[in-house]
Amino acid sequence: MPNHLHGILLIRDDLPGKRKPLGGLIGAYKTVSTKRINALCGTSSEIVWQRNYYDHILRSEVDLNRVRGYIDNNPAQWAEDENYSAPDS
């Protein structure tokens, strides 16, 4: 999708090293990707991401497969998105 990102994170508690809460992981991703996008675009402080994020804990294989299907099929819904604009022909 051109205006948002979906992902599935597996957070394990059995690995060594420093742990970050989910908000810290998302914040770090947004910070690093924003800096990279601005560097590639030659801009210095463009806002790339919305302020918040939506999360959902997947508690079963059925729930995981439902979300995987949603993510796989989501690009086909782009024309119905409120932010959609048809490309210039």
PDB file of N, CA and C in Angstrom:
ATOM      1  N   MET A   1       0.843  -1.183   0.000  1.00  0.00           N
ATOM      2  CA  MET A   1       0.000   0.000   0.000  1.00  0.00           C
ATOM      3  C   MET A   1       0.887   1.245   0.000  1.00  0.00           C
ATOM      4  N   PRO A   2       0.550   2.211  -0.808  1.00  0.00           N
ATOM      5  CA  PRO A   2       1.376   3.415  -0.873  1.00  0.00           C
ATOM      6  C   PRO A   2       1.305   4.304   0.363  1.00  0.00           C
ATOM      7  N   ASN A   3       0.259   4.159   1.180  1.00  0.00           N
ATOM      8  CA  ASN A   3       0.128   5.094   2.296  1.00  0.00           C
ATOM      9  C   ASN A   3       0.195   4.448   3.676  1.00  0.00           C
ATOM     10  N   HIS A   4       0.477   3.159   3.763  1.00  0.00           N
ATOM     11  CA  HIS A   4       0.650   2.540   5.075  1.00  0.00           C
ATOM     12  C   HIS A   4       1.386   1.215   4.952  1.00  0.00           C
ATOM     13  N   LEU A   5       1.725   0.661   6.097  1.00  0.00           N
ATOM     14  CA  LEU A   5       2.543  -0.535   6.163  1.00  0.00           C
ATOM     15  C   LEU A   5       1.893  -1.542   7.101  1.00  0.00           C
ATOM     16  N   HIS A   6       1.909  -2.796   6.720  1.00  0.00           N
ATOM     17  CA  HIS A   6       1.458  -3.880   7.585  1.00  0.00           C
ATOM     18  C   HIS A   6       2.649  -4.774   7.874  1.00  0.00           C
ATOM     19  N   GLY A   7       2.675  -5.350   9.045  1.00  0.00           N
ATOM     20  CA  GLY A   7       3.742  -6.277   9.366  1.00  0.00           C
ATOM     21  C   GLY A   7       3.351  -7.177  10.516  1.00  0.00           C
ATOM     22  N   ILE A   8       4.016  -8.290  10.607  1.00  0.00           N
ATOM     23  CA  ILE A   8       3.822  -9.225  11.719  1.00  0.00           C
ATOM     24  C   ILE A   8       5.177  -9.349  12.406  1.00  0.00           C
ATOM     25  N   LEU A   9       5.214  -9.018  13.672  1.00  0.00           N
ATOM     26  CA  LEU A   9       6.439  -9.122  14.458  1.00  0.00           C
ATOM     27  C   LEU A   9       6.345 -10.311  15.397  1.00  0.00           C
ATOM     28  N   LEU A  10       7.398 -11.076  15.449  1.00  0.00           N
ATOM     29  CA  LEU A  10       7.505 -12.154  16.424  1.00  0.00           C
ATOM     30  C   LEU A  10       8.466 -11.666  17.491  1.00  0.00           C
ATOM     31  N   ILE A  11       7.944 -11.472  18.684  1.00  0.00           N
ATOM     32  CA  ILE A  11       8.765 -10.991  19.789  1.00  0.00           C
ATOM     33  C   ILE A  11       9.029 -12.166  20.713  1.00  0.00           C
ATOM     34  N   ARG A  12      10.296 -12.514  20.807  1.00  0.00           N
ATOM     35  CA  ARG A  12      10.693 -13.664  21.622  1.00  0.00           C
ATOM     36  C   ARG A  12      11.324 -13.181  22.914  1.00  0.00           C
ATOM     37  N   ASP A  13      11.090 -13.935  23.959  1.00  0.00           N
ATOM     38  CA  ASP A  13      11.616 -13.578  25.267  1.00  0.00           C
ATOM     39  C   ASP A  13      12.817 -14.440  25.646  1.00  0.00           C
ATOM     40  N   ASP A  14      13.209 -15.359  24.766  1.00  0.00           N
ATOM     41  CA  ASP A  14      14.251 -16.322  25.114  1.00  0.00           C
ATOM     42  C   ASP A  14      15.607 -16.016  24.473  1.00  0.00           C
ATOM     43  N   LEU A  15      15.756 -14.826  23.917  1.00  0.00           N
ATOM     44  CA  LEU A  15      17.013 -14.460  23.279  1.00  0.00           C
ATOM     45  C   LEU A  15      17.790 -13.496  24.173  1.00  0.00           C
ATOM     46  N   PRO A  16      19.123 -13.598  24.163  1.00  0.00           N
ATOM     47  CA  PRO A  16      19.918 -12.679  24.985  1.00  0.00           C
ATOM     48  C   PRO A  16      19.920 -11.272  24.385  1.00  0.00           C
ATOM     49  N   GLY A  17      20.206 -10.313  25.219  1.00  0.00           N
ATOM     50  CA  GLY A  17      20.325  -8.943  24.724  1.00  0.00           C
ATOM     51  C   GLY A  17      19.284  -8.033  25.331  1.00  0.00           C
ATOM     52  N   LYS A  18      19.416  -6.770  24.991  1.00  0.00           N
ATOM     53  CA  LYS A  18      18.525  -5.745  25.511  1.00  0.00           C
ATOM     54  C   LYS A  18      17.150  -5.855  24.849  1.00  0.00           C
ATOM     55  N   ARG A  19      16.127  -5.705  25.634  1.00  0.00           N
ATOM     56  CA  ARG A  19      14.758  -5.791  25.112  1.00  0.00           C
ATOM     57  C   ARG A  19      14.130  -4.400  25.058  1.00  0.00           C
ATOM     58  N   LYS A  20      13.374  -4.151  23.994  1.00  0.00           N
ATOM     59  CA  LYS A  20      12.626  -2.909  23.865  1.00  0.00           C
ATOM     60  C   LYS A  20      11.150  -3.241  23.878  1.00  0.00           C
ATOM     61  N   PRO A  21      10.336  -2.379  24.463  1.00  0.00           N
ATOM     62  CA  PRO A  21       8.886  -2.575  24.340  1.00  0.00           C
ATOM     63  C   PRO A  21       8.457  -2.323  22.888  1.00  0.00           C
ATOM     64  N   LEU A  22       7.276  -2.771  22.536  1.00  0.00           N
ATOM     65  CA  LEU A  22       6.788  -2.636  21.162  1.00  0.00           C
ATOM     66  C   LEU A  22       6.852  -1.192  20.677  1.00  0.00           C
ATOM     67  N   GLY A  23       6.418  -0.259  21.508  1.00  0.00           N
ATOM     68  CA  GLY A  23       6.463   1.154  21.119  1.00  0.00           C
ATOM     69  C   GLY A  23       7.872   1.609  20.782  1.00  0.00           C
ATOM     70  N   GLY A  24       8.866   1.086  21.501  1.00  0.00           N
ATOM     71  CA  GLY A  24      10.254   1.417  21.215  1.00  0.00           C
ATOM     72  C   GLY A  24      10.716   0.840  19.887  1.00  0.00           C
ATOM     73  N   LEU A  25      10.274  -0.377  19.585  1.00  0.00           N
ATOM     74  CA  LEU A  25      10.621  -0.995  18.297  1.00  0.00           C
ATOM     75  C   LEU A  25      10.019  -0.213  17.130  1.00  0.00           C
ATOM     76  N   ILE A  26       8.746   0.130  17.259  1.00  0.00           N
ATOM     77  CA  ILE A  26       8.071   0.881  16.198  1.00  0.00           C
ATOM     78  C   ILE A  26       8.715   2.256  16.053  1.00  0.00           C
ATOM     79  N   GLY A  27       8.979   2.908  17.177  1.00  0.00           N
ATOM     80  CA  GLY A  27       9.615   4.223  17.137  1.00  0.00           C
ATOM     81  C   GLY A  27      10.975   4.177  16.469  1.00  0.00           C
ATOM     82  N   ALA A  28      11.777   3.159  16.789  1.00  0.00           N
ATOM     83  CA  ALA A  28      13.101   3.021  16.177  1.00  0.00           C
ATOM     84  C   ALA A  28      12.972   2.802  14.669  1.00  0.00           C
ATOM     85  N   TYR A  29      12.038   1.958  14.251  1.00  0.00           N
ATOM     86  CA  TYR A  29      11.819   1.711  12.822  1.00  0.00           C
ATOM     87  C   TYR A  29      11.444   3.010  12.107  1.00  0.00           C
ATOM     88  N   LYS A  30      10.521   3.756  12.699  1.00  0.00           N
ATOM     89  CA  LYS A  30      10.081   5.008  12.082  1.00  0.00           C
ATOM     90  C   LYS A  30      11.223   6.015  11.995  1.00  0.00           C
ATOM     91  N   THR A  31      12.037   6.099  13.042  1.00  0.00           N
ATOM     92  CA  THR A  31      13.151   7.040  13.051  1.00  0.00           C
ATOM     93  C   THR A  31      14.171   6.705  11.969  1.00  0.00           C
ATOM     94  N   VAL A  32      14.593   5.449  11.932  1.00  0.00           N
ATOM     95  CA  VAL A  32      15.606   5.035  10.962  1.00  0.00           C
ATOM     96  C   VAL A  32      15.083   5.162   9.530  1.00  0.00           C
ATOM     97  N   SER A  33      13.855   4.716   9.293  1.00  0.00           N
ATOM     98  CA  SER A  33      13.320   4.772   7.929  1.00  0.00           C
ATOM     99  C   SER A  33      13.066   6.213   7.487  1.00  0.00           C
ATOM    100  N   THR A  34      12.627   7.076   8.404  1.00  0.00           N
ATOM    101  CA  THR A  34      12.413   8.482   8.052  1.00  0.00           C
ATOM    102  C   THR A  34      13.726   9.145   7.647  1.00  0.00           C
ATOM    103  N   LYS A  35      14.776   8.889   8.406  1.00  0.00           N
ATOM    104  CA  LYS A  35      16.087   9.460   8.059  1.00  0.00           C
ATOM    105  C   LYS A  35      16.543   8.973   6.695  1.00  0.00           C
ATOM    106  N   ARG A  36      16.350   7.696   6.414  1.00  0.00           N
ATOM    107  CA  ARG A  36      16.771   7.131   5.123  1.00  0.00           C
ATOM    108  C   ARG A  36      15.943   7.701   3.971  1.00  0.00           C
ATOM    109  N   ILE A  37      14.630   7.783   4.171  1.00  0.00           N
ATOM    110  CA  ILE A  37      13.745   8.332   3.126  1.00  0.00           C
ATOM    111  C   ILE A  37      14.103   9.779   2.842  1.00  0.00           C
ATOM    112  N   ASN A  38      14.311  10.582   3.898  1.00  0.00           N
ATOM    113  CA  ASN A  38      14.687  11.981   3.702  1.00  0.00           C
ATOM    114  C   ASN A  38      16.045  12.104   3.017  1.00  0.00           C
ATOM    115  N   ALA A  39      16.982  11.218   3.343  1.00  0.00           N
ATOM    116  CA  ALA A  39      18.285  11.247   2.674  1.00  0.00           C
ATOM    117  C   ALA A  39      18.135  10.922   1.188  1.00  0.00           C
ATOM    118  N   LEU A  40      17.333   9.922   0.872  1.00  0.00           N
ATOM    119  CA  LEU A  40      17.140   9.540  -0.533  1.00  0.00           C
ATOM    120  C   LEU A  40      16.408  10.618  -1.329  1.00  0.00           C
ATOM    121  N   CYS A  41      15.506  11.343  -0.661  1.00  0.00           N
ATOM    122  CA  CYS A  41      14.708  12.371  -1.341  1.00  0.00           C
ATOM    123  C   CYS A  41      15.369  13.745  -1.311  1.00  0.00           C
ATOM    124  N   GLY A  42      16.481  13.854  -0.594  1.00  0.00           N
ATOM    125  CA  GLY A  42      17.148  15.140  -0.495  1.00  0.00           C
ATOM    126  C   GLY A  42      16.406  16.142   0.361  1.00  0.00           C
ATOM    127  N   THR A  43      15.624  15.664   1.291  1.00  0.00           N
ATOM    128  CA  THR A  43      14.894  16.532   2.219  1.00  0.00           C
ATOM    129  C   THR A  43      15.504  16.359   3.602  1.00  0.00           C
ATOM    130  N   SER A  44      15.198  17.292   4.492  1.00  0.00           N
ATOM    131  CA  SER A  44      15.831  17.205   5.805  1.00  0.00           C
ATOM    132  C   SER A  44      14.881  16.854   6.938  1.00  0.00           C
ATOM    133  N   SER A  45      13.635  17.232   6.826  1.00  0.00           N
ATOM    134  CA  SER A  45      12.758  16.995   7.973  1.00  0.00           C
ATOM    135  C   SER A  45      11.309  16.722   7.577  1.00  0.00           C
ATOM    136  N   GLU A  46      11.113  16.088   6.421  1.00  0.00           N
ATOM    137  CA  GLU A  46       9.747  15.754   6.014  1.00  0.00           C
ATOM    138  C   GLU A  46       9.164  14.708   6.955  1.00  0.00           C
ATOM    139  N   ILE A  47       7.904  14.860   7.299  1.00  0.00           N
ATOM    140  CA  ILE A  47       7.212  13.874   8.123  1.00  0.00           C
ATOM    141  C   ILE A  47       6.804  12.720   7.213  1.00  0.00           C
ATOM    142  N   VAL A  48       7.132  11.505   7.625  1.00  0.00           N
ATOM    143  CA  VAL A  48       6.854  10.329   6.812  1.00  0.00           C
ATOM    144  C   VAL A  48       5.724   9.505   7.432  1.00  0.00           C
ATOM    145  N   TRP A  49       5.724   9.373   8.735  1.00  0.00           N
ATOM    146  CA  TRP A  49       4.800   8.484   9.424  1.00  0.00           C
ATOM    147  C   TRP A  49       3.778   9.254  10.238  1.00  0.00           C
ATOM    148  N   GLN A  50       2.591   8.662  10.382  1.00  0.00           N
ATOM    149  CA  GLN A  50       1.621   9.223  11.319  1.00  0.00           C
ATOM    150  C   GLN A  50       2.148   9.018  12.730  1.00  0.00           C
ATOM    151  N   ARG A  51       1.579   9.707  13.681  1.00  0.00           N
ATOM    152  CA  ARG A  51       2.127   9.715  15.031  1.00  0.00           C
ATOM    153  C   ARG A  51       1.968   8.388  15.755  1.00  0.00           C
ATOM    154  N   ASN A  52       0.904   7.677  15.561  1.00  0.00           N
ATOM    155  CA  ASN A  52       0.625   6.476  16.328  1.00  0.00           C
ATOM    156  C   ASN A  52       0.715   5.238  15.451  1.00  0.00           C
ATOM    157  N   TYR A  53       0.313   4.111  15.982  1.00  0.00           N
ATOM    158  CA  TYR A  53       0.255   2.864  15.234  1.00  0.00           C
ATOM    159  C   TYR A  53      -0.843   1.993  15.848  1.00  0.00           C
ATOM    160  N   TYR A  54      -1.259   1.000  15.098  1.00  0.00           N
ATOM    161  CA  TYR A  54      -2.283   0.060  15.555  1.00  0.00           C
ATOM    162  C   TYR A  54      -1.615  -1.282  15.753  1.00  0.00           C
ATOM    163  N   ASP A  55      -1.901  -1.920  16.878  1.00  0.00           N
ATOM    164  CA  ASP A  55      -1.345  -3.247  17.100  1.00  0.00           C
ATOM    165  C   ASP A  55      -2.438  -4.227  17.514  1.00  0.00           C
ATOM    166  N   HIS A  56      -2.148  -5.483  17.306  1.00  0.00           N
ATOM    167  CA  HIS A  56      -3.080  -6.558  17.658  1.00  0.00           C
ATOM    168  C   HIS A  56      -2.253  -7.786  18.005  1.00  0.00           C
ATOM    169  N   ILE A  57      -2.500  -8.363  19.147  1.00  0.00           N
ATOM    170  CA  ILE A  57      -1.781  -9.576  19.541  1.00  0.00           C
ATOM    171  C   ILE A  57      -2.444 -10.779  18.887  1.00  0.00           C
ATOM    172  N   LEU A  58      -1.657 -11.555  18.166  1.00  0.00           N
ATOM    173  CA  LEU A  58      -2.159 -12.759  17.509  1.00  0.00           C
ATOM    174  C   LEU A  58      -2.015 -13.914  18.486  1.00  0.00           C
ATOM    175  N   ARG A  59      -3.136 -14.493  18.870  1.00  0.00           N
ATOM    176  CA  ARG A  59      -3.130 -15.490  19.938  1.00  0.00           C
ATOM    177  C   ARG A  59      -3.329 -16.926  19.458  1.00  0.00           C
ATOM    178  N   SER A  60      -3.520 -17.096  18.165  1.00  0.00           N
ATOM    179  CA  SER A  60      -3.730 -18.453  17.654  1.00  0.00           C
ATOM    180  C   SER A  60      -3.275 -18.530  16.206  1.00  0.00           C
ATOM    181  N   GLU A  61      -3.115 -19.745  15.731  1.00  0.00           N
ATOM    182  CA  GLU A  61      -2.750 -19.973  14.325  1.00  0.00           C
ATOM    183  C   GLU A  61      -3.858 -19.458  13.405  1.00  0.00           C
ATOM    184  N   VAL A  62      -5.105 -19.607  13.826  1.00  0.00           N
ATOM    185  CA  VAL A  62      -6.238 -19.128  13.025  1.00  0.00           C
ATOM    186  C   VAL A  62      -6.154 -17.600  12.885  1.00  0.00           C
ATOM    187  N   ASP A  63      -5.891 -16.910  13.990  1.00  0.00           N
ATOM    188  CA  ASP A  63      -5.770 -15.458  13.964  1.00  0.00           C
ATOM    189  C   ASP A  63      -4.585 -15.033  13.094  1.00  0.00           C
ATOM    190  N   LEU A  64      -3.455 -15.720  13.219  1.00  0.00           N
ATOM    191  CA  LEU A  64      -2.281 -15.426  12.408  1.00  0.00           C
ATOM    192  C   LEU A  64      -2.594 -15.584  10.922  1.00  0.00           C
ATOM    193  N   ASN A  65      -3.255 -16.658  10.547  1.00  0.00           N
ATOM    194  CA  ASN A  65      -3.592 -16.891   9.142  1.00  0.00           C
ATOM    195  C   ASN A  65      -4.595 -15.873   8.620  1.00  0.00           C
ATOM    196  N   ARG A  66      -5.525 -15.428   9.459  1.00  0.00           N
ATOM    197  CA  ARG A  66      -6.489 -14.398   9.062  1.00  0.00           C
ATOM    198  C   ARG A  66      -5.765 -13.093   8.751  1.00  0.00           C
ATOM    199  N   VAL A  67      -4.821 -12.723   9.612  1.00  0.00           N
ATOM    200  CA  VAL A  67      -4.070 -11.483   9.404  1.00  0.00           C
ATOM    201  C   VAL A  67      -3.148 -11.606   8.193  1.00  0.00           C
ATOM    202  N   ARG A  68      -2.531 -12.747   8.011  1.00  0.00           N
ATOM    203  CA  ARG A  68      -1.704 -12.953   6.808  1.00  0.00           C
ATOM    204  C   ARG A  68      -2.535 -12.763   5.543  1.00  0.00           C
ATOM    205  N   GLY A  69      -3.750 -13.323   5.536  1.00  0.00           N
ATOM    206  CA  GLY A  69      -4.644 -13.163   4.384  1.00  0.00           C
ATOM    207  C   GLY A  69      -5.019 -11.706   4.163  1.00  0.00           C
ATOM    208  N   TYR A  70      -5.292 -10.990   5.261  1.00  0.00           N
ATOM    209  CA  TYR A  70      -5.621  -9.566   5.160  1.00  0.00           C
ATOM    210  C   TYR A  70      -4.460  -8.789   4.544  1.00  0.00           C
ATOM    211  N   ILE A  71      -3.255  -9.051   5.021  1.00  0.00           N
ATOM    212  CA  ILE A  71      -2.081  -8.353   4.492  1.00  0.00           C
ATOM    213  C   ILE A  71      -1.867  -8.688   3.021  1.00  0.00           C
ATOM    214  N   ASP A  72      -1.991  -9.954   2.659  1.00  0.00           N
ATOM    215  CA  ASP A  72      -1.810 -10.361   1.255  1.00  0.00           C
ATOM    216  C   ASP A  72      -2.832  -9.700   0.334  1.00  0.00           C
ATOM    217  N   ASN A  73      -4.070  -9.564   0.806  1.00  0.00           N
ATOM    218  CA  ASN A  73      -5.145  -9.038  -0.037  1.00  0.00           C
ATOM    219  C   ASN A  73      -5.298  -7.525   0.045  1.00  0.00           C
ATOM    220  N   ASN A  74      -4.626  -6.881   0.970  1.00  0.00           N
ATOM    221  CA  ASN A  74      -4.805  -5.456   1.199  1.00  0.00           C
ATOM    222  C   ASN A  74      -4.505  -4.583  -0.015  1.00  0.00           C
ATOM    223  N   PRO A  75      -3.444  -4.836  -0.783  1.00  0.00           N
ATOM    224  CA  PRO A  75      -3.184  -3.970  -1.944  1.00  0.00           C
ATOM    225  C   PRO A  75      -4.328  -3.931  -2.959  1.00  0.00           C
ATOM    226  N   ALA A  76      -5.101  -4.990  -3.050  1.00  0.00           N
ATOM    227  CA  ALA A  76      -6.231  -5.006  -3.989  1.00  0.00           C
ATOM    228  C   ALA A  76      -7.330  -4.034  -3.559  1.00  0.00           C
ATOM    229  N   GLN A  77      -7.282  -3.566  -2.316  1.00  0.00           N
ATOM    230  CA  GLN A  77      -8.294  -2.644  -1.794  1.00  0.00           C
ATOM    231  C   GLN A  77      -7.892  -1.177  -1.952  1.00  0.00           C
ATOM    232  N   TRP A  78      -6.731  -0.914  -2.535  1.00  0.00           N
ATOM    233  CA  TRP A  78      -6.205   0.442  -2.596  1.00  0.00           C
ATOM    234  C   TRP A  78      -7.167   1.407  -3.273  1.00  0.00           C
ATOM    235  N   ALA A  79      -7.857   0.996  -4.311  1.00  0.00           N
ATOM    236  CA  ALA A  79      -8.767   1.896  -5.026  1.00  0.00           C
ATOM    237  C   ALA A  79      -9.930   2.346  -4.151  1.00  0.00           C
ATOM    238  N   GLU A  80     -10.245   1.598  -3.096  1.00  0.00           N
ATOM    239  CA  GLU A  80     -11.335   1.976  -2.187  1.00  0.00           C
ATOM    240  C   GLU A  80     -10.854   2.842  -1.015  1.00  0.00           C
ATOM    241  N   ASP A  81      -9.547   3.045  -0.888  1.00  0.00           N
ATOM    242  CA  ASP A  81      -8.996   3.815   0.230  1.00  0.00           C
ATOM    243  C   ASP A  81      -9.371   5.285   0.090  1.00  0.00           C
ATOM    244  N   GLU A  82      -9.674   5.937   1.216  1.00  0.00           N
ATOM    245  CA  GLU A  82     -10.072   7.355   1.185  1.00  0.00           C
ATOM    246  C   GLU A  82      -8.959   8.259   0.662  1.00  0.00           C
ATOM    247  N   ASN A  83      -7.718   7.812   0.719  1.00  0.00           N
ATOM    248  CA  ASN A  83      -6.591   8.603   0.238  1.00  0.00           C
ATOM    249  C   ASN A  83      -6.171   8.235  -1.183  1.00  0.00           C
ATOM    250  N   TYR A  84      -6.921   7.366  -1.821  1.00  0.00           N
ATOM    251  CA  TYR A  84      -6.582   6.931  -3.183  1.00  0.00           C
ATOM    252  C   TYR A  84      -6.809   8.060  -4.181  1.00  0.00           C
ATOM    253  N   SER A  85      -5.901   8.197  -5.092  1.00  0.00           N
ATOM    254  CA  SER A  85      -6.120   9.069  -6.244  1.00  0.00           C
ATOM    255  C   SER A  85      -5.569   8.324  -7.456  1.00  0.00           C
ATOM    256  N   ALA A  86      -6.351   8.283  -8.499  1.00  0.00           N
ATOM    257  CA  ALA A  86      -5.965   7.541  -9.698  1.00  0.00           C
ATOM    258  C   ALA A  86      -4.716   8.159 -10.301  1.00  0.00           C
ATOM    259  N   PRO A  87      -3.798   7.319 -10.776  1.00  0.00           N
ATOM    260  CA  PRO A  87      -2.591   7.859 -11.428  1.00  0.00           C
ATOM    261  C   PRO A  87      -2.947   8.601 -12.696  1.00  0.00           C
ATOM    262  N   ASP A  88      -2.159   9.628 -12.985  1.00  0.00           N
ATOM    263  CA  ASP A  88      -2.380  10.380 -14.233  1.00  0.00           C
ATOM    264  C   ASP A  88      -2.105   9.472 -15.428  1.00  0.00           C
ATOM    265  N   SER A  89      -2.999   9.515 -16.384  1.00  0.00           N
ATOM    266  CA  SER A  89      -2.824   8.682 -17.573  1.00  0.00           C
ATOM    267  C   SER A  89      -2.236   9.466 -18.703  1.00  0.00           C
TER     268      SER A  89
END
